[in-house]
Amino acid sequence: MASTEVTYAVTGSSGRLGGRIARRLAAGGTPQTLLCRTPARAPELPGATVVPGAYDDHAALVRSLRSTDHVLMVSASESPDRLRQHRTFIDAAAQVGVAHLVYISFYGAAPDATFTLARDHWHTEQHIRAAGVPFTFLRDNLYADFMPGLVGDDGAIRGPAGDGRAAVVAQDDIADAAVAVLRDPGPHAGRAYDLTGPEALTLADVAATITTVTGRPVTYVPETVEEAYASRQGYGAPDWQLDAWVSTYTAIADGSLAGVTTAIEDLTGHPATALERVLRAGPDPAAQP
C-alpha cells in the first residue's frame, strides 16, 4: 500500500532563512529532505535526510525531489546566473510533479522594479506559473536582521535612500510564515503574500534604533546616486552587483518598500516583530554565517 504521509523538502538549509525553516520543521517532528549544494554544510537535524541539490544540476534535482509533496525554494545566491538556476530547479520540480512549491520571493517583485534583483524574482515567479507547479510566493521586504550590516566602520549608514521608508521584516517571522504555509498549503495555493514588519522606517529611524539597542552612535548620511556608486567602486564588484547595492537604497527612496501589511500575523497568528526587538534578540546562534 502506498504511503499517504506528506513529504517535505527544504533548500537553503545551510543559510540563515532556510536553516530557520528547517529547524522549525524538525522541532515539530516533521521529517524532511534537505537539498544542498554542499551537503557537508547542512545542519544536523532529527528526521532530516541530506541530499545533493545544486540548483544548476537538473538530474540531481529530479532524483532528490522525486516523490516530494511540499517544497521550500529559497532563492539562489546572488549572481548573474541566478535566474537560469531558478528555472532549472523549477523545471525539475515540475517534471517530478511536486504538489506545492513555496518560493521565497521579494517585496514588489516586478519586471521594472527599482531594486534590480527584484526583477529576477518576478521572472522566477512567472516561470513557476508557466511550469504549472502549484505555488505560494512569500515576498519578503528587506531583512530587519541585516540592518546592522549597513553600518560602516565609521558608524554611518550611507546611501541614496533620502527620507524613504522600508517595512523591514524579521527572518524569524518569515520562517514562521513559511512553515505555516508548508504544513497547510491548501488555503494559500496560487497566492502571493507581501511579508513586512509592523512599521515602515526611514534609515534615520533604523540608525536611531541601532544606537538605542547597542549604545553605539549610528547615523544615516544621505548620498546621491553618483556618490553611492563612487563610494562602492573600491570593492571591485561587477556592475550588476553595484546596481543591486545602490538600488536597494533607491527602492527605499521612491517608496517601493514602504507598504506595511498584516500578512505575518495572518499567516502565523502573531504580530510582526519590530526592529528594536529583532536587534535586542541578537543574531540567531544556530544560523550559519
Protein backbone atom coordinates (compact mmCIF):
# COMPACT_ATOMS: atom_id res chain seq x y z
CA MET A 1 0.00 0.00 0.00
CA ALA A 2 1.40 3.43 -0.93
CA SER A 3 2.29 5.78 1.91
CA THR A 4 -0.03 8.75 2.44
CA GLU A 5 2.47 10.63 4.60
CA VAL A 6 3.19 14.10 3.29
CA THR A 7 6.85 14.62 2.34
CA TYR A 8 8.84 17.83 2.63
CA ALA A 9 11.98 19.19 1.01
CA VAL A 10 13.83 22.34 2.04
CA THR A 11 16.52 24.23 0.14
CA GLY A 12 18.96 26.71 1.63
CA SER A 13 19.16 24.92 4.98
CA SER A 14 22.79 25.97 5.45
CA GLY A 15 21.73 29.61 5.28
CA ARG A 16 20.06 31.89 7.76
CA LEU A 17 16.49 31.72 6.47
CA GLY A 18 16.37 28.17 5.11
CA GLY A 19 18.06 26.98 8.29
CA ARG A 20 15.43 28.62 10.44
CA ILE A 21 12.68 26.92 8.46
CA ALA A 22 14.36 23.52 8.54
CA ARG A 23 14.88 23.75 12.30
CA ARG A 24 11.24 24.63 12.87
CA LEU A 25 10.08 21.66 10.85
CA ALA A 26 12.45 19.38 12.74
CA ALA A 27 11.34 20.75 16.11
CA GLY A 28 7.76 19.94 15.15
CA GLY A 29 8.69 16.35 14.36
CA THR A 30 8.38 16.75 10.60
CA PRO A 31 10.73 14.54 8.54
CA GLN A 32 12.31 16.43 5.67
CA THR A 33 14.83 16.23 2.87
CA LEU A 34 17.49 18.94 2.84
CA LEU A 35 18.70 19.77 -0.66
CA CYS A 36 22.20 21.24 -0.51
CA ARG A 37 24.83 22.31 -2.99
CA THR A 38 27.38 21.29 -0.35
CA PRO A 39 25.80 18.53 1.78
CA ALA A 40 28.57 18.77 4.39
CA ARG A 41 27.29 22.25 5.32
CA ALA A 42 23.76 21.09 6.05
CA PRO A 43 22.60 21.28 9.68
CA GLU A 44 22.25 18.01 11.57
CA LEU A 45 18.56 17.80 12.40
CA PRO A 46 16.39 14.93 13.67
CA GLY A 47 14.36 13.38 10.88
CA ALA A 48 16.32 15.17 8.16
CA THR A 49 17.95 13.45 5.19
CA VAL A 50 20.60 15.43 3.33
CA VAL A 51 20.91 15.01 -0.44
CA PRO A 52 22.78 16.83 -3.22
CA GLY A 53 20.66 19.61 -4.65
CA ALA A 54 22.58 22.25 -6.57
CA TYR A 55 20.14 24.46 -8.45
CA ASP A 56 22.00 24.04 -11.73
CA ASP A 57 22.07 20.21 -11.62
CA HIS A 58 18.80 19.14 -13.21
CA ALA A 59 19.43 15.40 -12.95
CA ALA A 60 20.34 15.55 -9.26
CA LEU A 61 17.30 17.70 -8.54
CA VAL A 62 14.99 15.26 -10.27
CA ARG A 63 16.39 12.42 -8.16
CA SER A 64 16.17 14.41 -4.94
CA LEU A 65 12.70 15.89 -5.48
CA ARG A 66 11.01 12.72 -6.71
CA SER A 67 8.03 11.77 -4.53
CA THR A 68 8.19 15.07 -2.63
CA ASP A 69 4.93 16.86 -1.88
CA HIS A 70 5.81 20.22 -0.33
CA VAL A 71 8.99 22.08 -1.29
CA LEU A 72 10.55 25.25 0.07
CA MET A 73 12.57 27.09 -2.56
CA VAL A 74 14.89 29.73 -1.15
CA SER A 75 16.30 31.93 -3.90
CA ALA A 76 19.82 31.08 -5.04
CA SER A 77 22.83 33.19 -4.14
CA GLU A 78 23.02 36.49 -5.96
CA SER A 79 24.77 36.05 -9.29
CA PRO A 80 24.29 36.89 -12.97
CA ASP A 81 23.29 33.26 -13.43
CA ARG A 82 20.65 33.10 -10.69
CA LEU A 83 17.59 33.19 -12.92
CA ARG A 84 18.85 30.29 -15.03
CA GLN A 85 19.48 28.29 -11.87
CA HIS A 86 15.97 29.03 -10.65
CA ARG A 87 14.47 27.87 -13.92
CA THR A 88 16.44 24.62 -13.75
CA PHE A 89 15.11 23.95 -10.26
CA ILE A 90 11.53 24.78 -11.23
CA ASP A 91 11.68 22.58 -14.31
CA ALA A 92 12.87 19.67 -12.16
CA ALA A 93 10.04 20.28 -9.68
CA ALA A 94 7.52 20.31 -12.49
CA GLN A 95 8.96 17.16 -14.07
CA VAL A 96 8.56 15.10 -10.89
CA GLY A 97 5.14 16.52 -10.03
CA VAL A 98 5.85 18.44 -6.82
CA ALA A 99 2.48 19.08 -5.18
CA HIS A 100 3.25 22.55 -3.80
CA LEU A 101 6.20 24.94 -4.09
CA VAL A 102 6.73 27.76 -1.59
CA TYR A 103 9.07 30.30 -3.18
CA ILE A 104 10.87 32.98 -1.17
CA SER A 105 10.48 35.99 -3.42
CA PHE A 106 10.90 39.71 -2.81
CA TYR A 107 8.52 42.52 -1.94
CA GLY A 108 7.47 44.43 -5.04
CA ALA A 109 8.77 41.82 -7.47
CA ALA A 110 8.11 43.22 -10.95
CA PRO A 111 9.81 43.34 -14.35
CA ASP A 112 10.64 47.01 -13.81
CA ALA A 113 11.25 47.01 -10.05
CA THR A 114 13.62 49.70 -8.80
CA PHE A 115 15.60 47.11 -6.83
CA THR A 116 17.26 45.27 -9.67
CA LEU A 117 17.28 41.83 -8.04
CA ALA A 118 13.51 42.01 -7.52
CA ARG A 119 13.25 41.70 -11.31
CA ASP A 120 14.84 38.23 -11.13
CA HIS A 121 12.25 37.27 -8.54
CA TRP A 122 9.43 38.37 -10.84
CA HIS A 123 10.80 36.33 -13.73
CA THR A 124 11.18 33.36 -11.39
CA GLU A 125 7.55 33.71 -10.31
CA GLN A 126 6.46 33.82 -13.94
CA HIS A 127 8.41 30.64 -14.70
CA ILE A 128 6.75 28.87 -11.78
CA ARG A 129 3.33 29.90 -13.08
CA ALA A 130 4.18 28.77 -16.61
CA ALA A 131 5.51 25.43 -15.37
CA GLY A 132 2.19 24.64 -13.77
CA VAL A 133 3.58 23.88 -10.31
CA PRO A 134 1.10 24.75 -7.52
CA PHE A 135 2.73 27.60 -5.61
CA THR A 136 2.74 30.19 -2.88
CA PHE A 137 5.01 33.23 -3.14
CA LEU A 138 6.35 34.83 0.04
CA ARG A 139 7.57 38.27 -0.97
CA ASP A 140 9.86 39.44 1.81
CA ASN A 141 10.77 43.05 2.46
CA LEU A 142 14.35 43.85 3.45
CA TYR A 143 15.55 41.73 6.38
CA ALA A 144 15.44 43.55 9.71
CA ASP A 145 18.23 41.26 10.89
CA PHE A 146 20.58 42.69 8.28
CA MET A 147 20.16 46.37 9.19
CA PRO A 148 23.31 46.48 11.40
CA GLY A 149 25.25 45.25 8.38
CA LEU A 150 24.53 48.56 6.64
CA VAL A 151 26.62 50.42 9.21
CA GLY A 152 30.15 51.28 8.13
CA ASP A 153 33.23 51.27 10.34
CA ASP A 154 32.67 54.98 10.95
CA GLY A 155 29.20 54.39 12.42
CA ALA A 156 27.33 55.70 9.38
CA ILE A 157 24.72 54.18 7.09
CA ARG A 158 25.34 55.74 3.69
CA GLY A 159 23.13 55.50 0.64
CA PRO A 160 20.71 57.36 -1.64
CA ALA A 161 17.56 56.49 0.32
CA GLY A 162 16.54 60.06 1.13
CA ASP A 163 13.60 60.14 3.52
CA GLY A 164 12.07 57.00 2.04
CA ARG A 165 10.91 54.12 4.19
CA ALA A 166 11.14 50.32 4.27
CA ALA A 167 8.94 47.95 6.25
CA VAL A 168 11.85 45.70 7.26
CA VAL A 169 10.83 42.19 8.34
CA ALA A 170 12.35 39.70 10.79
CA GLN A 171 13.72 36.45 9.41
CA ASP A 172 12.11 34.57 12.30
CA ASP A 173 8.73 35.91 11.21
CA ILE A 174 9.36 34.86 7.62
CA ALA A 175 10.33 31.38 8.80
CA ASP A 176 7.16 31.10 10.88
CA ALA A 177 5.09 32.13 7.87
CA ALA A 178 6.85 29.68 5.55
CA VAL A 179 6.32 26.77 7.94
CA ALA A 180 2.64 27.63 8.29
CA VAL A 181 2.21 27.55 4.51
CA LEU A 182 4.28 24.38 4.05
CA ARG A 183 2.25 22.48 6.61
CA ASP A 184 -1.13 23.57 5.25
CA PRO A 185 -0.70 24.87 1.70
CA GLY A 186 -4.27 24.42 0.54
CA PRO A 187 -5.63 27.84 1.62
CA HIS A 188 -2.54 29.53 0.19
CA ALA A 189 -2.32 27.88 -3.23
CA GLY A 190 -1.85 30.38 -6.04
CA ARG A 191 -1.38 33.30 -3.66
CA ALA A 192 1.42 35.81 -3.10
CA TYR A 193 1.98 37.40 0.30
CA ASP A 194 3.92 40.59 0.94
CA LEU A 195 5.76 39.96 4.22
CA THR A 196 6.67 43.10 6.17
CA GLY A 197 7.48 44.33 9.62
CA PRO A 198 4.94 46.28 11.69
CA GLU A 199 6.05 49.73 10.53
CA ALA A 200 7.89 51.48 7.72
CA LEU A 201 11.15 53.08 8.83
CA THR A 202 13.49 55.64 7.35
CA LEU A 203 17.19 54.85 7.52
CA ALA A 204 17.44 57.62 10.11
CA ASP A 205 14.93 55.62 12.16
CA VAL A 206 17.00 52.48 11.63
CA ALA A 207 20.18 54.28 12.73
CA ALA A 208 18.45 55.62 15.85
CA THR A 209 17.16 52.15 16.74
CA ILE A 210 20.60 50.58 16.36
CA THR A 211 22.01 53.35 18.57
CA THR A 212 19.36 52.70 21.24
CA VAL A 213 19.93 48.95 21.28
CA THR A 214 23.72 48.83 21.01
CA GLY A 215 24.77 52.09 22.62
CA ARG A 216 26.99 52.74 19.60
CA PRO A 217 26.26 56.08 17.93
CA VAL A 218 24.96 55.39 14.42
CA THR A 219 23.78 57.99 11.92
CA TYR A 220 22.31 58.00 8.44
CA VAL A 221 24.24 60.02 5.88
CA PRO A 222 22.36 60.52 2.59
CA GLU A 223 24.27 60.11 -0.65
CA THR A 224 23.40 60.98 -4.21
CA VAL A 225 23.21 58.08 -6.63
CA GLU A 226 26.50 59.19 -8.16
CA GLU A 227 28.15 59.32 -4.74
CA ALA A 228 26.81 55.87 -3.91
CA TYR A 229 28.36 54.30 -6.99
CA ALA A 230 31.64 56.11 -6.40
CA SER A 231 31.86 55.08 -2.75
CA ARG A 232 31.36 51.42 -3.67
CA GLN A 233 33.67 51.23 -6.66
CA GLY A 234 36.61 50.31 -4.46
CA TYR A 235 35.14 46.89 -3.65
CA GLY A 236 35.88 45.67 -7.16
CA ALA A 237 32.34 44.33 -7.58
CA PRO A 238 30.88 43.74 -11.04
CA ASP A 239 28.41 46.24 -12.45
CA TRP A 240 25.34 44.10 -11.75
CA GLN A 241 26.32 43.87 -8.07
CA LEU A 242 26.90 47.62 -7.82
CA ASP A 243 23.48 48.18 -9.38
CA ALA A 244 21.92 45.84 -6.81
CA TRP A 245 23.63 47.54 -3.88
CA VAL A 246 22.69 51.05 -4.95
CA SER A 247 19.15 50.16 -5.99
CA THR A 248 18.47 48.79 -2.51
CA TYR A 249 18.60 52.41 -1.38
CA THR A 250 16.84 53.96 -4.37
CA ALA A 251 13.98 51.49 -3.84
CA ILE A 252 13.66 52.85 -0.32
CA ALA A 253 13.82 56.41 -1.65
CA ASP A 254 10.98 56.01 -4.15
CA GLY A 255 8.62 54.24 -1.74
CA SER A 256 8.87 50.80 -3.34
CA LEU A 257 9.43 49.13 0.05
CA ALA A 258 7.23 51.30 2.28
CA GLY A 259 3.98 49.35 2.33
CA VAL A 260 3.01 47.63 5.60
CA THR A 261 0.85 44.50 5.52
CA THR A 262 -0.74 42.16 8.05
CA ALA A 263 0.48 39.04 6.22
CA ILE A 264 2.81 37.89 9.01
CA GLU A 265 0.02 37.94 11.57
CA ASP A 266 -2.48 36.49 9.11
CA LEU A 267 -0.22 33.50 8.40
CA THR A 268 1.32 32.93 11.82
CA GLY A 269 -1.19 34.19 14.35
CA HIS A 270 1.35 36.52 15.97
CA PRO A 271 2.15 40.14 15.11
CA ALA A 272 5.19 41.08 13.07
CA THR A 273 8.30 41.81 15.13
CA ALA A 274 9.57 45.37 15.46
CA LEU A 275 13.16 46.17 14.50
CA GLU A 276 14.17 47.03 18.07
CA ARG A 277 13.01 43.63 19.31
CA VAL A 278 14.89 41.87 16.50
CA LEU A 279 18.09 43.69 17.38
CA ARG A 280 17.72 43.06 21.10
CA ALA A 281 17.34 39.35 20.43
CA GLY A 282 20.68 39.37 18.60
CA PRO A 283 21.75 37.08 15.76
CA ASP A 284 20.41 33.55 15.56
CA PRO A 285 23.14 31.48 17.26
CA ALA A 286 22.28 28.39 15.22
CA ALA A 287 22.48 30.17 11.86
CA GLN A 288 25.36 29.56 9.50
CA PRO A 289 27.37 32.66 8.54
